[in-house]
Amino acid sequence: MKKLTISIAAKRYDISIDEEFASTFEKEIDESFKKGSNDVKALLSAYVKKSYEKFLLEREIDRINEKLKIKN
């Protein structure tokens, strides 16, 4: 496990994540947040962005599954 610290609304939060996921997560955090303290709006914006990406991926998975069903 790798420990990361994120600052939101002038509070620091320590989180532990899997080593394998850590580099990807750190890259995502760097793209979504500025260095230092972030406000709740930045957190909400990042959450909405990730939720939309998840929605698009699930929609694509469903589309691929339908194609596979038709071929079988």
PDB file of N, CA and C in Angstrom:
ATOM      1  N   MET A   1       0.839  -1.178   0.000  1.00  0.00           N
ATOM      2  CA  MET A   1       0.000   0.000   0.000  1.00  0.00           C
ATOM      3  C   MET A   1       0.888   1.247   0.000  1.00  0.00           C
ATOM      4  N   LYS A   2       0.398   2.260  -0.683  1.00  0.00           N
ATOM      5  CA  LYS A   2       1.104   3.530  -0.734  1.00  0.00           C
ATOM      6  C   LYS A   2       0.238   4.604  -0.084  1.00  0.00           C
ATOM      7  N   LYS A   3       0.858   5.455   0.713  1.00  0.00           N
ATOM      8  CA  LYS A   3       0.144   6.517   1.409  1.00  0.00           C
ATOM      9  C   LYS A   3       0.262   7.812   0.602  1.00  0.00           C
ATOM     10  N   LEU A   4      -0.874   8.462   0.358  1.00  0.00           N
ATOM     11  CA  LEU A   4      -0.913   9.749  -0.319  1.00  0.00           C
ATOM     12  C   LEU A   4      -1.656  10.741   0.563  1.00  0.00           C
ATOM     13  N   THR A   5      -1.294  12.000   0.438  1.00  0.00           N
ATOM     14  CA  THR A   5      -1.975  13.059   1.179  1.00  0.00           C
ATOM     15  C   THR A   5      -2.573  14.032   0.180  1.00  0.00           C
ATOM     16  N   ILE A   6      -3.862  14.320   0.355  1.00  0.00           N
ATOM     17  CA  ILE A   6      -4.581  15.249  -0.508  1.00  0.00           C
ATOM     18  C   ILE A   6      -5.158  16.353   0.379  1.00  0.00           C
ATOM     19  N   SER A   7      -5.043  17.599  -0.092  1.00  0.00           N
ATOM     20  CA  SER A   7      -5.583  18.735   0.667  1.00  0.00           C
ATOM     21  C   SER A   7      -6.851  19.243   0.002  1.00  0.00           C
ATOM     22  N   ILE A   8      -7.927  19.296   0.813  1.00  0.00           N
ATOM     23  CA  ILE A   8      -9.214  19.811   0.338  1.00  0.00           C
ATOM     24  C   ILE A   8      -9.799  20.679   1.438  1.00  0.00           C
ATOM     25  N   ALA A   9     -10.204  21.883   1.051  1.00  0.00           N
ATOM     26  CA  ALA A   9     -10.792  22.845   1.988  1.00  0.00           C
ATOM     27  C   ALA A   9      -9.894  23.036   3.219  1.00  0.00           C
ATOM     28  N   ALA A  10      -8.621  23.219   2.966  1.00  0.00           N
ATOM     29  CA  ALA A  10      -7.623  23.479   4.006  1.00  0.00           C
ATOM     30  C   ALA A  10      -7.447  22.328   5.003  1.00  0.00           C
ATOM     31  N   LYS A  11      -7.894  21.152   4.645  1.00  0.00           N
ATOM     32  CA  LYS A  11      -7.681  19.968   5.481  1.00  0.00           C
ATOM     33  C   LYS A  11      -6.892  18.939   4.678  1.00  0.00           C
ATOM     34  N   ARG A  12      -6.024  18.253   5.363  1.00  0.00           N
ATOM     35  CA  ARG A  12      -5.204  17.225   4.721  1.00  0.00           C
ATOM     36  C   ARG A  12      -5.810  15.855   5.011  1.00  0.00           C
ATOM     37  N   TYR A  13      -5.908  15.056   3.965  1.00  0.00           N
ATOM     38  CA  TYR A  13      -6.461  13.711   4.094  1.00  0.00           C
ATOM     39  C   TYR A  13      -5.424  12.708   3.617  1.00  0.00           C
ATOM     40  N   ASP A  14      -5.095  11.765   4.490  1.00  0.00           N
ATOM     41  CA  ASP A  14      -4.185  10.684   4.131  1.00  0.00           C
ATOM     42  C   ASP A  14      -5.003   9.505   3.642  1.00  0.00           C
ATOM     43  N   ILE A  15      -4.606   8.969   2.501  1.00  0.00           N
ATOM     44  CA  ILE A  15      -5.275   7.780   1.970  1.00  0.00           C
ATOM     45  C   ILE A  15      -4.215   6.738   1.634  1.00  0.00           C
ATOM     46  N   SER A  16      -4.605   5.504   1.704  1.00  0.00           N
ATOM     47  CA  SER A  16      -3.723   4.405   1.320  1.00  0.00           C
ATOM     48  C   SER A  16      -4.337   3.703   0.128  1.00  0.00           C
ATOM     49  N   ILE A  17      -3.532   3.515  -0.911  1.00  0.00           N
ATOM     50  CA  ILE A  17      -4.012   2.835  -2.113  1.00  0.00           C
ATOM     51  C   ILE A  17      -2.994   1.787  -2.550  1.00  0.00           C
ATOM     52  N   ASP A  18      -3.467   0.870  -3.349  1.00  0.00           N
ATOM     53  CA  ASP A  18      -2.646  -0.207  -3.869  1.00  0.00           C
ATOM     54  C   ASP A  18      -1.463   0.358  -4.656  1.00  0.00           C
ATOM     55  N   GLU A  19      -0.290  -0.210  -4.468  1.00  0.00           N
ATOM     56  CA  GLU A  19       0.919   0.245  -5.169  1.00  0.00           C
ATOM     57  C   GLU A  19       0.735   0.263  -6.685  1.00  0.00           C
ATOM     58  N   GLU A  20       0.108  -0.770  -7.215  1.00  0.00           N
ATOM     59  CA  GLU A  20      -0.072  -0.881  -8.664  1.00  0.00           C
ATOM     60  C   GLU A  20      -0.939   0.251  -9.216  1.00  0.00           C
ATOM     61  N   PHE A  21      -1.911   0.696  -8.448  1.00  0.00           N
ATOM     62  CA  PHE A  21      -2.828   1.761  -8.847  1.00  0.00           C
ATOM     63  C   PHE A  21      -2.268   3.153  -8.547  1.00  0.00           C
ATOM     64  N   ALA A  22      -1.298   3.244  -7.672  1.00  0.00           N
ATOM     65  CA  ALA A  22      -0.816   4.528  -7.151  1.00  0.00           C
ATOM     66  C   ALA A  22      -0.336   5.481  -8.246  1.00  0.00           C
ATOM     67  N   SER A  23       0.456   5.030  -9.192  1.00  0.00           N
ATOM     68  CA  SER A  23       0.980   5.950 -10.204  1.00  0.00           C
ATOM     69  C   SER A  23      -0.131   6.503 -11.090  1.00  0.00           C
ATOM     70  N   THR A  24      -1.097   5.660 -11.434  1.00  0.00           N
ATOM     71  CA  THR A  24      -2.235   6.125 -12.230  1.00  0.00           C
ATOM     72  C   THR A  24      -3.051   7.139 -11.435  1.00  0.00           C
ATOM     73  N   PHE A  25      -3.303   6.840 -10.184  1.00  0.00           N
ATOM     74  CA  PHE A  25      -4.086   7.728  -9.335  1.00  0.00           C
ATOM     75  C   PHE A  25      -3.381   9.069  -9.150  1.00  0.00           C
ATOM     76  N   GLU A  26      -2.086   9.036  -8.918  1.00  0.00           N
ATOM     77  CA  GLU A  26      -1.335  10.281  -8.738  1.00  0.00           C
ATOM     78  C   GLU A  26      -1.399  11.149  -9.993  1.00  0.00           C
ATOM     79  N   LYS A  27      -1.318  10.526 -11.152  1.00  0.00           N
ATOM     80  CA  LYS A  27      -1.425  11.271 -12.408  1.00  0.00           C
ATOM     81  C   LYS A  27      -2.804  11.928 -12.517  1.00  0.00           C
ATOM     82  N   GLU A  28      -3.847  11.176 -12.190  1.00  0.00           N
ATOM     83  CA  GLU A  28      -5.211  11.708 -12.231  1.00  0.00           C
ATOM     84  C   GLU A  28      -5.372  12.868 -11.248  1.00  0.00           C
ATOM     85  N   ILE A  29      -4.824  12.734 -10.063  1.00  0.00           N
ATOM     86  CA  ILE A  29      -4.905  13.794  -9.053  1.00  0.00           C
ATOM     87  C   ILE A  29      -4.183  15.047  -9.555  1.00  0.00           C
ATOM     88  N   ASP A  30      -3.003  14.868 -10.137  1.00  0.00           N
ATOM     89  CA  ASP A  30      -2.252  16.010 -10.657  1.00  0.00           C
ATOM     90  C   ASP A  30      -3.024  16.739 -11.751  1.00  0.00           C
ATOM     91  N   GLU A  31      -3.778  15.996 -12.575  1.00  0.00           N
ATOM     92  CA  GLU A  31      -4.560  16.614 -13.642  1.00  0.00           C
ATOM     93  C   GLU A  31      -5.813  17.296 -13.108  1.00  0.00           C
ATOM     94  N   SER A  32      -6.379  16.783 -12.037  1.00  0.00           N
ATOM     95  CA  SER A  32      -7.648  17.293 -11.520  1.00  0.00           C
ATOM     96  C   SER A  32      -7.502  18.390 -10.472  1.00  0.00           C
ATOM     97  N   PHE A  33      -6.395  18.368  -9.740  1.00  0.00           N
ATOM     98  CA  PHE A  33      -6.222  19.289  -8.629  1.00  0.00           C
ATOM     99  C   PHE A  33      -4.932  20.073  -8.767  1.00  0.00           C
ATOM    100  N   LYS A  34      -4.946  21.268  -8.191  1.00  0.00           N
ATOM    101  CA  LYS A  34      -3.729  22.065  -8.138  1.00  0.00           C
ATOM    102  C   LYS A  34      -2.938  21.665  -6.901  1.00  0.00           C
ATOM    103  N   LYS A  35      -1.698  22.054  -6.877  1.00  0.00           N
ATOM    104  CA  LYS A  35      -0.865  21.798  -5.692  1.00  0.00           C
ATOM    105  C   LYS A  35      -1.364  22.670  -4.551  1.00  0.00           C
ATOM    106  N   GLY A  36      -1.225  22.198  -3.337  1.00  0.00           N
ATOM    107  CA  GLY A  36      -1.702  22.957  -2.188  1.00  0.00           C
ATOM    108  C   GLY A  36      -3.120  22.563  -1.852  1.00  0.00           C
ATOM    109  N   SER A  37      -3.861  23.499  -1.294  1.00  0.00           N
ATOM    110  CA  SER A  37      -5.219  23.213  -0.863  1.00  0.00           C
ATOM    111  C   SER A  37      -6.214  23.447  -1.995  1.00  0.00           C
ATOM    112  N   ASN A  38      -7.179  22.575  -2.109  1.00  0.00           N
ATOM    113  CA  ASN A  38      -8.243  22.671  -3.103  1.00  0.00           C
ATOM    114  C   ASN A  38      -9.570  22.882  -2.403  1.00  0.00           C
ATOM    115  N   ASP A  39     -10.493  23.496  -3.119  1.00  0.00           N
ATOM    116  CA  ASP A  39     -11.796  23.712  -2.513  1.00  0.00           C
ATOM    117  C   ASP A  39     -12.739  22.564  -2.863  1.00  0.00           C
ATOM    118  N   VAL A  40     -13.887  22.575  -2.236  1.00  0.00           N
ATOM    119  CA  VAL A  40     -14.872  21.520  -2.440  1.00  0.00           C
ATOM    120  C   VAL A  40     -15.360  21.515  -3.891  1.00  0.00           C
ATOM    121  N   LYS A  41     -15.418  22.680  -4.522  1.00  0.00           N
ATOM    122  CA  LYS A  41     -15.833  22.768  -5.921  1.00  0.00           C
ATOM    123  C   LYS A  41     -14.897  21.957  -6.823  1.00  0.00           C
ATOM    124  N   ALA A  42     -13.598  22.000  -6.564  1.00  0.00           N
ATOM    125  CA  ALA A  42     -12.631  21.216  -7.348  1.00  0.00           C
ATOM    126  C   ALA A  42     -12.878  19.723  -7.161  1.00  0.00           C
ATOM    127  N   LEU A  43     -13.176  19.321  -5.934  1.00  0.00           N
ATOM    128  CA  LEU A  43     -13.476  17.915  -5.649  1.00  0.00           C
ATOM    129  C   LEU A  43     -14.739  17.486  -6.376  1.00  0.00           C
ATOM    130  N   LEU A  44     -15.781  18.300  -6.314  1.00  0.00           N
ATOM    131  CA  LEU A  44     -17.026  17.980  -6.991  1.00  0.00           C
ATOM    132  C   LEU A  44     -16.823  17.899  -8.506  1.00  0.00           C
ATOM    133  N   SER A  45     -16.071  18.828  -9.042  1.00  0.00           N
ATOM    134  CA  SER A  45     -15.795  18.828 -10.477  1.00  0.00           C
ATOM    135  C   SER A  45     -15.065  17.557 -10.898  1.00  0.00           C
ATOM    136  N   ALA A  46     -14.071  17.146 -10.126  1.00  0.00           N
ATOM    137  CA  ALA A  46     -13.333  15.916 -10.428  1.00  0.00           C
ATOM    138  C   ALA A  46     -14.246  14.698 -10.334  1.00  0.00           C
ATOM    139  N   TYR A  47     -15.129  14.679  -9.348  1.00  0.00           N
ATOM    140  CA  TYR A  47     -16.065  13.568  -9.181  1.00  0.00           C
ATOM    141  C   TYR A  47     -17.020  13.467 -10.369  1.00  0.00           C
ATOM    142  N   VAL A  48     -17.558  14.601 -10.796  1.00  0.00           N
ATOM    143  CA  VAL A  48     -18.469  14.600 -11.938  1.00  0.00           C
ATOM    144  C   VAL A  48     -17.742  14.125 -13.199  1.00  0.00           C
ATOM    145  N   LYS A  49     -16.530  14.599 -13.402  1.00  0.00           N
ATOM    146  CA  LYS A  49     -15.740  14.182 -14.565  1.00  0.00           C
ATOM    147  C   LYS A  49     -15.531  12.667 -14.563  1.00  0.00           C
ATOM    148  N   LYS A  50     -15.144  12.110 -13.433  1.00  0.00           N
ATOM    149  CA  LYS A  50     -14.902  10.666 -13.345  1.00  0.00           C
ATOM    150  C   LYS A  50     -16.208   9.876 -13.493  1.00  0.00           C
ATOM    151  N   SER A  51     -17.289  10.408 -12.951  1.00  0.00           N
ATOM    152  CA  SER A  51     -18.580   9.733 -13.100  1.00  0.00           C
ATOM    153  C   SER A  51     -18.996   9.682 -14.564  1.00  0.00           C
ATOM    154  N   TYR A  52     -18.768  10.761 -15.288  1.00  0.00           N
ATOM    155  CA  TYR A  52     -19.109  10.795 -16.706  1.00  0.00           C
ATOM    156  C   TYR A  52     -18.227   9.827 -17.500  1.00  0.00           C
ATOM    157  N   GLU A  53     -16.936   9.783 -17.183  1.00  0.00           N
ATOM    158  CA  GLU A  53     -16.042   8.829 -17.853  1.00  0.00           C
ATOM    159  C   GLU A  53     -16.517   7.399 -17.602  1.00  0.00           C
ATOM    160  N   LYS A  54     -16.935   7.103 -16.382  1.00  0.00           N
ATOM    161  CA  LYS A  54     -17.447   5.776 -16.041  1.00  0.00           C
ATOM    162  C   LYS A  54     -18.708   5.472 -16.842  1.00  0.00           C
ATOM    163  N   PHE A  55     -19.603   6.437 -16.930  1.00  0.00           N
ATOM    164  CA  PHE A  55     -20.822   6.286 -17.716  1.00  0.00           C
ATOM    165  C   PHE A  55     -20.505   5.938 -19.168  1.00  0.00           C
ATOM    166  N   LEU A  56     -19.569   6.676 -19.766  1.00  0.00           N
ATOM    167  CA  LEU A  56     -19.200   6.416 -21.163  1.00  0.00           C
ATOM    168  C   LEU A  56     -18.585   5.018 -21.334  1.00  0.00           C
ATOM    169  N   LEU A  57     -17.749   4.613 -20.404  1.00  0.00           N
ATOM    170  CA  LEU A  57     -17.142   3.284 -20.476  1.00  0.00           C
ATOM    171  C   LEU A  57     -18.186   2.182 -20.337  1.00  0.00           C
ATOM    172  N   GLU A  58     -19.119   2.358 -19.417  1.00  0.00           N
ATOM    173  CA  GLU A  58     -20.175   1.358 -19.249  1.00  0.00           C
ATOM    174  C   GLU A  58     -21.050   1.278 -20.493  1.00  0.00           C
ATOM    175  N   ARG A  59     -21.333   2.416 -21.091  1.00  0.00           N
ATOM    176  CA  ARG A  59     -22.126   2.439 -22.320  1.00  0.00           C
ATOM    177  C   ARG A  59     -21.390   1.710 -23.443  1.00  0.00           C
ATOM    178  N   GLU A  60     -20.098   1.910 -23.535  1.00  0.00           N
ATOM    179  CA  GLU A  60     -19.295   1.227 -24.557  1.00  0.00           C
ATOM    180  C   GLU A  60     -19.242  -0.284 -24.290  1.00  0.00           C
ATOM    181  N   ILE A  61     -19.119  -0.677 -23.046  1.00  0.00           N
ATOM    182  CA  ILE A  61     -19.136  -2.102 -22.692  1.00  0.00           C
ATOM    183  C   ILE A  61     -20.466  -2.724 -23.089  1.00  0.00           C
ATOM    184  N   ASP A  62     -21.566  -2.034 -22.809  1.00  0.00           N
ATOM    185  CA  ASP A  62     -22.894  -2.537 -23.193  1.00  0.00           C
ATOM    186  C   ASP A  62     -23.006  -2.681 -24.709  1.00  0.00           C
ATOM    187  N   ARG A  63     -22.471  -1.706 -25.433  1.00  0.00           N
ATOM    188  CA  ARG A  63     -22.507  -1.751 -26.898  1.00  0.00           C
ATOM    189  C   ARG A  63     -21.715  -2.942 -27.423  1.00  0.00           C
ATOM    190  N   ILE A  64     -20.563  -3.191 -26.864  1.00  0.00           N
ATOM    191  CA  ILE A  64     -19.731  -4.330 -27.273  1.00  0.00           C
ATOM    192  C   ILE A  64     -20.415  -5.639 -26.920  1.00  0.00           C
ATOM    193  N   ASN A  65     -21.009  -5.706 -25.728  1.00  0.00           N
ATOM    194  CA  ASN A  65     -21.734  -6.920 -25.326  1.00  0.00           C
ATOM    195  C   ASN A  65     -22.873  -7.231 -26.288  1.00  0.00           C
ATOM    196  N   GLU A  66     -23.601  -6.213 -26.710  1.00  0.00           N
ATOM    197  CA  GLU A  66     -24.693  -6.417 -27.664  1.00  0.00           C
ATOM    198  C   GLU A  66     -24.165  -6.941 -28.996  1.00  0.00           C
ATOM    199  N   LYS A  67     -23.048  -6.422 -29.452  1.00  0.00           N
ATOM    200  CA  LYS A  67     -22.448  -6.897 -30.696  1.00  0.00           C
ATOM    201  C   LYS A  67     -22.054  -8.376 -30.580  1.00  0.00           C
ATOM    202  N   LEU A  68     -21.505  -8.729 -29.420  1.00  0.00           N
ATOM    203  CA  LEU A  68     -21.091 -10.114 -29.210  1.00  0.00           C
ATOM    204  C   LEU A  68     -22.295 -11.051 -29.171  1.00  0.00           C
ATOM    205  N   LYS A  69     -23.384 -10.606 -28.585  1.00  0.00           N
ATOM    206  CA  LYS A  69     -24.603 -11.422 -28.524  1.00  0.00           C
ATOM    207  C   LYS A  69     -25.154 -11.676 -29.932  1.00  0.00           C
ATOM    208  N   ILE A  70     -25.106 -10.670 -30.774  1.00  0.00           N
ATOM    209  CA  ILE A  70     -25.613 -10.799 -32.128  1.00  0.00           C
ATOM    210  C   ILE A  70     -24.780 -11.801 -32.926  1.00  0.00           C
ATOM    211  N   LYS A  71     -23.472 -11.811 -32.723  1.00  0.00           N
ATOM    212  CA  LYS A  71     -22.583 -12.701 -33.450  1.00  0.00           C
ATOM    213  C   LYS A  71     -22.714 -14.156 -33.008  1.00  0.00           C
ATOM    214  N   ASN A  72     -23.150 -14.377 -31.791  1.00  0.00           N
ATOM    215  CA  ASN A  72     -23.261 -15.744 -31.266  1.00  0.00           C
ATOM    216  C   ASN A  72     -24.575 -16.285 -31.638  1.00  0.00           C
TER     217      ASN A  72
END
